[in-house]
Amino acid sequence: MLLDDASRVDPAGMPVGWSASASRRAQMVADTLAMRALRHGWATRPAPLLEAHLRDSIMTMAPAPRPLRAGRQATARAAAYAEWLGVTTRMAMVRVLEVQRESEALLRYAVREDAALRAGLDVVAPGLTLSRR
């Protein structure tokens, strides 16, 4: 079975098509928050709790922009912020797990986003489930 590289998702990477300023801002916030999490010893387990803590902190550091008017433009801005928030949270999460050498937790986290990695695991270890911890 061959898997297209385009289907791969780098859990620490930026989506294609993002502006340079959105990418820089996401990297800066993710780095700052990962350093804060490491400095203050935030628990990495359970991973969903760490992820929620990171997301809440990002929303405090970089709140959603208030739309001037309702409509398609406001909906598009809200969707763009939601995507930015998800990517920034994922980047911070990956940085914390990498520094803490949480290889298994990092693999479990990456599998959620990466269809090619899931397919590869199905071939190598059929029936293996990487449930969220």
N, C-alpha and C. Protein backbone atom coordinates (compact mmCIF):
# COMPACT_ATOMS: atom_id res chain seq x y z
N MET A 1 0.84 -1.17 0.00
CA MET A 1 0.00 0.00 0.00
C MET A 1 0.89 1.24 0.00
N LEU A 2 0.67 2.13 -0.93
CA LEU A 2 1.41 3.38 -0.98
C LEU A 2 0.50 4.50 -0.51
N LEU A 3 1.06 5.38 0.29
CA LEU A 3 0.31 6.51 0.82
C LEU A 3 0.88 7.80 0.26
N ASP A 4 0.01 8.65 -0.18
CA ASP A 4 0.40 9.94 -0.74
C ASP A 4 0.96 10.84 0.36
N ASP A 5 2.12 11.44 0.12
CA ASP A 5 2.69 12.35 1.10
C ASP A 5 1.79 13.54 1.38
N ALA A 6 0.94 13.90 0.43
CA ALA A 6 0.04 15.03 0.64
C ALA A 6 -0.98 14.75 1.73
N SER A 7 -1.21 13.47 2.04
CA SER A 7 -2.17 13.13 3.09
C SER A 7 -1.54 13.21 4.48
N ARG A 8 -0.23 13.37 4.53
CA ARG A 8 0.48 13.44 5.82
C ARG A 8 0.27 14.80 6.45
N VAL A 9 0.10 14.80 7.76
CA VAL A 9 -0.06 16.02 8.52
C VAL A 9 1.08 16.11 9.51
N ASP A 10 1.84 17.17 9.45
CA ASP A 10 2.90 17.38 10.42
C ASP A 10 2.26 18.03 11.63
N PRO A 11 2.21 17.33 12.78
CA PRO A 11 1.52 17.90 13.93
C PRO A 11 2.14 19.20 14.44
N ALA A 12 3.38 19.46 14.08
CA ALA A 12 4.02 20.70 14.51
C ALA A 12 4.08 21.72 13.39
N GLY A 13 3.46 21.43 12.25
CA GLY A 13 3.58 22.29 11.09
C GLY A 13 2.42 23.24 10.89
N MET A 14 2.62 24.14 9.94
CA MET A 14 1.61 25.14 9.58
C MET A 14 0.81 24.66 8.38
N PRO A 15 -0.45 25.00 8.34
CA PRO A 15 -1.24 24.70 7.14
C PRO A 15 -0.73 25.48 5.94
N VAL A 16 -0.84 24.86 4.78
CA VAL A 16 -0.44 25.53 3.55
C VAL A 16 -1.41 26.67 3.30
N GLY A 17 -0.90 27.78 2.86
CA GLY A 17 -1.76 28.91 2.52
C GLY A 17 -1.93 29.93 3.64
N TRP A 18 -1.36 29.67 4.79
CA TRP A 18 -1.46 30.66 5.86
C TRP A 18 -0.55 31.84 5.55
N SER A 19 -0.95 33.01 6.00
CA SER A 19 -0.11 34.19 5.81
C SER A 19 1.11 34.09 6.73
N ALA A 20 2.13 34.82 6.37
CA ALA A 20 3.36 34.81 7.19
C ALA A 20 3.07 35.34 8.58
N SER A 21 2.22 36.36 8.69
CA SER A 21 1.94 36.93 10.01
C SER A 21 1.16 35.95 10.88
N ALA A 22 0.19 35.22 10.31
CA ALA A 22 -0.56 34.22 11.09
C ALA A 22 0.37 33.10 11.53
N SER A 23 1.28 32.68 10.67
CA SER A 23 2.23 31.63 11.02
C SER A 23 3.18 32.08 12.13
N ARG A 24 3.72 33.30 12.01
CA ARG A 24 4.63 33.82 13.04
C ARG A 24 3.91 33.94 14.38
N ARG A 25 2.69 34.44 14.34
CA ARG A 25 1.92 34.62 15.57
C ARG A 25 1.64 33.25 16.23
N ALA A 26 1.27 32.27 15.44
CA ALA A 26 0.99 30.93 15.98
C ALA A 26 2.26 30.34 16.59
N GLN A 27 3.39 30.47 15.91
CA GLN A 27 4.65 29.94 16.44
C GLN A 27 5.04 30.64 17.73
N MET A 28 4.89 31.96 17.77
CA MET A 28 5.26 32.72 18.96
C MET A 28 4.38 32.32 20.15
N VAL A 29 3.08 32.24 19.93
CA VAL A 29 2.17 31.87 21.02
C VAL A 29 2.43 30.44 21.46
N ALA A 30 2.61 29.51 20.52
CA ALA A 30 2.88 28.10 20.87
C ALA A 30 4.18 27.97 21.66
N ASP A 31 5.23 28.66 21.23
CA ASP A 31 6.51 28.60 21.94
C ASP A 31 6.39 29.18 23.35
N THR A 32 5.75 30.33 23.45
CA THR A 32 5.58 30.99 24.75
C THR A 32 4.80 30.11 25.70
N LEU A 33 3.73 29.55 25.20
CA LEU A 33 2.88 28.72 26.05
C LEU A 33 3.57 27.41 26.42
N ALA A 34 4.29 26.80 25.49
CA ALA A 34 5.02 25.57 25.81
C ALA A 34 6.06 25.84 26.89
N MET A 35 6.77 26.96 26.80
CA MET A 35 7.75 27.31 27.83
C MET A 35 7.06 27.50 29.18
N ARG A 36 5.91 28.16 29.18
CA ARG A 36 5.16 28.37 30.42
C ARG A 36 4.74 27.02 31.01
N ALA A 37 4.23 26.13 30.17
CA ALA A 37 3.79 24.82 30.64
C ALA A 37 4.95 24.02 31.24
N LEU A 38 6.09 24.08 30.58
CA LEU A 38 7.26 23.35 31.07
C LEU A 38 7.80 23.97 32.35
N ARG A 39 7.85 25.30 32.38
CA ARG A 39 8.37 26.00 33.56
C ARG A 39 7.51 25.72 34.80
N HIS A 40 6.20 25.66 34.59
CA HIS A 40 5.30 25.47 35.73
C HIS A 40 4.92 24.01 35.96
N GLY A 41 5.50 23.11 35.18
CA GLY A 41 5.31 21.68 35.40
C GLY A 41 3.90 21.18 35.16
N TRP A 42 3.25 21.71 34.11
CA TRP A 42 1.90 21.23 33.80
C TRP A 42 1.97 19.75 33.49
N ALA A 43 1.04 18.99 34.02
CA ALA A 43 1.01 17.54 33.80
C ALA A 43 0.74 17.23 32.34
N THR A 44 1.43 16.24 31.80
CA THR A 44 1.22 15.85 30.40
C THR A 44 0.19 14.73 30.30
N ARG A 45 -0.21 14.19 31.42
CA ARG A 45 -1.22 13.13 31.43
C ARG A 45 -2.34 13.50 32.36
N PRO A 46 -3.54 13.30 32.00
CA PRO A 46 -3.98 12.81 30.70
C PRO A 46 -3.81 13.89 29.63
N ALA A 47 -3.45 13.45 28.43
CA ALA A 47 -3.17 14.38 27.33
C ALA A 47 -4.35 15.29 27.01
N PRO A 48 -5.60 14.80 27.01
CA PRO A 48 -6.71 15.71 26.71
C PRO A 48 -6.83 16.86 27.72
N LEU A 49 -6.43 16.62 28.96
CA LEU A 49 -6.48 17.68 29.95
C LEU A 49 -5.41 18.74 29.66
N LEU A 50 -4.21 18.29 29.31
CA LEU A 50 -3.16 19.24 28.93
C LEU A 50 -3.59 20.03 27.71
N GLU A 51 -4.17 19.36 26.72
CA GLU A 51 -4.62 20.04 25.51
C GLU A 51 -5.66 21.10 25.83
N ALA A 52 -6.61 20.78 26.70
CA ALA A 52 -7.63 21.76 27.09
C ALA A 52 -7.01 22.94 27.83
N HIS A 53 -6.04 22.66 28.70
CA HIS A 53 -5.36 23.73 29.43
C HIS A 53 -4.61 24.65 28.46
N LEU A 54 -3.93 24.06 27.50
CA LEU A 54 -3.22 24.85 26.50
C LEU A 54 -4.18 25.70 25.69
N ARG A 55 -5.28 25.10 25.23
CA ARG A 55 -6.26 25.83 24.41
C ARG A 55 -6.85 27.01 25.20
N ASP A 56 -7.21 26.77 26.46
CA ASP A 56 -7.77 27.84 27.28
C ASP A 56 -6.76 28.97 27.47
N SER A 57 -5.51 28.60 27.67
CA SER A 57 -4.46 29.61 27.85
C SER A 57 -4.23 30.41 26.57
N ILE A 58 -4.28 29.73 25.44
CA ILE A 58 -4.12 30.44 24.16
C ILE A 58 -5.26 31.42 23.96
N MET A 59 -6.47 31.01 24.30
CA MET A 59 -7.62 31.89 24.15
C MET A 59 -7.50 33.12 25.05
N THR A 60 -6.81 32.99 26.18
CA THR A 60 -6.57 34.13 27.06
C THR A 60 -5.48 35.03 26.48
N MET A 61 -4.42 34.41 25.95
CA MET A 61 -3.30 35.18 25.39
C MET A 61 -3.69 35.88 24.09
N ALA A 62 -4.47 35.21 23.26
CA ALA A 62 -4.83 35.73 21.93
C ALA A 62 -6.32 35.50 21.70
N PRO A 63 -7.15 36.33 22.32
CA PRO A 63 -8.60 36.12 22.17
C PRO A 63 -9.06 36.34 20.73
N ALA A 64 -10.21 35.77 20.45
CA ALA A 64 -10.80 35.90 19.10
C ALA A 64 -11.10 37.37 18.82
N PRO A 65 -10.86 37.81 17.59
CA PRO A 65 -11.19 39.19 17.24
C PRO A 65 -12.71 39.37 17.24
N ARG A 66 -13.15 40.51 17.70
CA ARG A 66 -14.59 40.80 17.70
C ARG A 66 -14.99 41.29 16.32
N PRO A 67 -15.98 40.62 15.73
CA PRO A 67 -16.44 41.07 14.41
C PRO A 67 -17.20 42.38 14.53
N LEU A 68 -17.01 43.25 13.54
CA LEU A 68 -17.72 44.52 13.53
C LEU A 68 -19.18 44.34 13.17
N ARG A 69 -19.45 43.43 12.28
CA ARG A 69 -20.83 43.15 11.85
C ARG A 69 -20.98 41.66 11.65
N ALA A 70 -22.23 41.22 11.76
CA ALA A 70 -22.52 39.81 11.49
C ALA A 70 -22.55 39.60 9.98
N GLY A 71 -22.42 38.36 9.58
CA GLY A 71 -22.48 38.06 8.16
C GLY A 71 -21.40 37.08 7.76
N ARG A 72 -21.23 36.95 6.44
CA ARG A 72 -20.24 35.98 5.93
C ARG A 72 -18.83 36.32 6.36
N GLN A 73 -18.50 37.59 6.36
CA GLN A 73 -17.14 37.98 6.74
C GLN A 73 -16.88 37.62 8.21
N ALA A 74 -17.85 37.86 9.07
CA ALA A 74 -17.70 37.51 10.48
C ALA A 74 -17.58 36.01 10.65
N THR A 75 -18.36 35.26 9.90
CA THR A 75 -18.31 33.80 9.97
C THR A 75 -16.94 33.30 9.49
N ALA A 76 -16.43 33.89 8.43
CA ALA A 76 -15.11 33.50 7.91
C ALA A 76 -14.02 33.82 8.92
N ARG A 77 -14.12 34.98 9.58
CA ARG A 77 -13.11 35.34 10.59
C ARG A 77 -13.17 34.39 11.77
N ALA A 78 -14.38 34.00 12.18
CA ALA A 78 -14.54 33.05 13.29
C ALA A 78 -13.95 31.69 12.92
N ALA A 79 -14.18 31.26 11.68
CA ALA A 79 -13.64 29.98 11.22
C ALA A 79 -12.12 30.03 11.15
N ALA A 80 -11.58 31.15 10.68
CA ALA A 80 -10.12 31.30 10.60
C ALA A 80 -9.51 31.28 12.00
N TYR A 81 -10.17 31.94 12.95
CA TYR A 81 -9.65 31.93 14.33
C TYR A 81 -9.71 30.52 14.91
N ALA A 82 -10.80 29.80 14.67
CA ALA A 82 -10.93 28.44 15.19
C ALA A 82 -9.81 27.55 14.63
N GLU A 83 -9.52 27.70 13.33
CA GLU A 83 -8.42 26.93 12.74
C GLU A 83 -7.09 27.33 13.36
N TRP A 84 -6.85 28.63 13.51
CA TRP A 84 -5.61 29.13 14.10
C TRP A 84 -5.46 28.60 15.53
N LEU A 85 -6.55 28.62 16.28
CA LEU A 85 -6.53 28.14 17.65
C LEU A 85 -6.18 26.65 17.70
N GLY A 86 -6.76 25.87 16.82
CA GLY A 86 -6.48 24.44 16.79
C GLY A 86 -5.04 24.14 16.43
N VAL A 87 -4.53 24.83 15.42
CA VAL A 87 -3.14 24.61 14.99
C VAL A 87 -2.16 25.06 16.08
N THR A 88 -2.42 26.20 16.68
CA THR A 88 -1.53 26.72 17.72
C THR A 88 -1.53 25.80 18.94
N THR A 89 -2.69 25.30 19.30
CA THR A 89 -2.79 24.35 20.42
C THR A 89 -1.99 23.09 20.10
N ARG A 90 -2.17 22.58 18.88
CA ARG A 90 -1.46 21.36 18.47
C ARG A 90 0.06 21.59 18.51
N MET A 91 0.52 22.74 18.03
CA MET A 91 1.95 23.03 18.03
C MET A 91 2.49 23.09 19.46
N ALA A 92 1.77 23.75 20.36
CA ALA A 92 2.21 23.85 21.76
C ALA A 92 2.23 22.46 22.40
N MET A 93 1.21 21.68 22.11
CA MET A 93 1.12 20.33 22.67
C MET A 93 2.31 19.48 22.21
N VAL A 94 2.62 19.52 20.93
CA VAL A 94 3.74 18.75 20.39
C VAL A 94 5.05 19.20 21.03
N ARG A 95 5.23 20.50 21.19
CA ARG A 95 6.48 20.99 21.79
C ARG A 95 6.62 20.48 23.23
N VAL A 96 5.55 20.53 24.01
CA VAL A 96 5.62 20.06 25.40
C VAL A 96 5.91 18.57 25.44
N LEU A 97 5.21 17.79 24.64
CA LEU A 97 5.41 16.34 24.64
C LEU A 97 6.81 15.96 24.16
N GLU A 98 7.34 16.68 23.19
CA GLU A 98 8.70 16.39 22.70
C GLU A 98 9.73 16.68 23.79
N VAL A 99 9.63 17.81 24.44
CA VAL A 99 10.60 18.17 25.47
C VAL A 99 10.52 17.20 26.65
N GLN A 100 9.31 16.78 26.99
CA GLN A 100 9.14 15.85 28.10
C GLN A 100 9.46 14.40 27.71
N ARG A 101 9.82 14.20 26.45
CA ARG A 101 10.14 12.87 25.92
C ARG A 101 8.99 11.88 26.13
N GLU A 102 7.81 12.36 25.86
CA GLU A 102 6.59 11.55 25.96
C GLU A 102 6.30 10.94 24.59
N SER A 103 7.15 10.02 24.16
CA SER A 103 7.06 9.46 22.81
C SER A 103 5.71 8.79 22.54
N GLU A 104 5.24 7.99 23.47
CA GLU A 104 3.97 7.30 23.26
C GLU A 104 2.81 8.29 23.19
N ALA A 105 2.80 9.26 24.08
CA ALA A 105 1.74 10.27 24.07
C ALA A 105 1.80 11.09 22.78
N LEU A 106 3.01 11.39 22.31
CA LEU A 106 3.17 12.13 21.07
C LEU A 106 2.66 11.33 19.88
N LEU A 107 2.94 10.03 19.86
CA LEU A 107 2.44 9.17 18.79
C LEU A 107 0.91 9.12 18.82
N ARG A 108 0.34 8.94 20.00
CA ARG A 108 -1.12 8.91 20.12
C ARG A 108 -1.72 10.22 19.63
N TYR A 109 -1.08 11.31 19.96
CA TYR A 109 -1.57 12.63 19.56
C TYR A 109 -1.46 12.80 18.05
N ALA A 110 -0.35 12.39 17.47
CA ALA A 110 -0.13 12.54 16.02
C ALA A 110 -1.10 11.67 15.23
N VAL A 111 -1.41 10.48 15.73
CA VAL A 111 -2.29 9.56 15.02
C VAL A 111 -3.68 10.18 14.83
N ARG A 112 -4.12 10.98 15.77
CA ARG A 112 -5.44 11.61 15.65
C ARG A 112 -5.56 12.46 14.40
N GLU A 113 -4.47 13.10 13.99
CA GLU A 113 -4.50 14.04 12.88
C GLU A 113 -3.99 13.45 11.56
N ASP A 114 -3.35 12.31 11.61
CA ASP A 114 -2.60 11.81 10.46
C ASP A 114 -3.20 10.51 9.93
N ALA A 115 -3.99 10.60 8.87
CA ALA A 115 -4.63 9.42 8.28
C ALA A 115 -3.59 8.43 7.75
N ALA A 116 -2.50 8.94 7.19
CA ALA A 116 -1.46 8.06 6.65
C ALA A 116 -0.79 7.26 7.77
N LEU A 117 -0.53 7.88 8.88
CA LEU A 117 0.07 7.20 10.02
C LEU A 117 -0.89 6.13 10.55
N ARG A 118 -2.18 6.45 10.65
CA ARG A 118 -3.16 5.45 11.09
C ARG A 118 -3.19 4.27 10.13
N ALA A 119 -3.17 4.54 8.82
CA ALA A 119 -3.20 3.47 7.83
C ALA A 119 -1.94 2.61 7.94
N GLY A 120 -0.80 3.22 8.15
CA GLY A 120 0.45 2.48 8.32
C GLY A 120 0.41 1.59 9.55
N LEU A 121 -0.12 2.10 10.63
CA LEU A 121 -0.24 1.29 11.84
C LEU A 121 -1.18 0.11 11.63
N ASP A 122 -2.24 0.34 10.84
CA ASP A 122 -3.17 -0.76 10.53
C ASP A 122 -2.47 -1.89 9.77
N VAL A 123 -1.50 -1.53 8.93
CA VAL A 123 -0.76 -2.54 8.16
C VAL A 123 0.26 -3.25 9.06
N VAL A 124 0.99 -2.48 9.83
CA VAL A 124 2.06 -3.03 10.67
C VAL A 124 1.51 -3.78 11.88
N ALA A 125 0.48 -3.23 12.49
CA ALA A 125 -0.07 -3.82 13.71
C ALA A 125 -1.59 -3.84 13.62
N PRO A 126 -2.14 -4.77 12.82
CA PRO A 126 -3.60 -4.81 12.68
C PRO A 126 -4.28 -5.02 14.04
N GLY A 127 -5.34 -4.26 14.24
CA GLY A 127 -6.09 -4.38 15.49
C GLY A 127 -5.58 -3.53 16.62
N LEU A 128 -4.42 -2.91 16.45
CA LEU A 128 -3.86 -2.04 17.49
C LEU A 128 -4.71 -0.78 17.58
N THR A 129 -5.13 -0.45 18.76
CA THR A 129 -5.87 0.80 18.95
C THR A 129 -5.04 1.72 19.83
N LEU A 130 -4.93 2.92 19.39
CA LEU A 130 -4.22 3.93 20.18
C LEU A 130 -5.26 4.86 20.76
N SER A 131 -5.90 4.41 21.80
CA SER A 131 -6.94 5.22 22.42
C SER A 131 -6.31 6.42 23.10
N ARG A 132 -7.13 7.45 23.25
CA ARG A 132 -6.67 8.66 23.91
C ARG A 132 -6.56 8.40 25.40
N ARG A 133 -5.47 8.84 25.97
CA ARG A 133 -5.28 8.71 27.42
C ARG A 133 -5.26 10.07 28.04
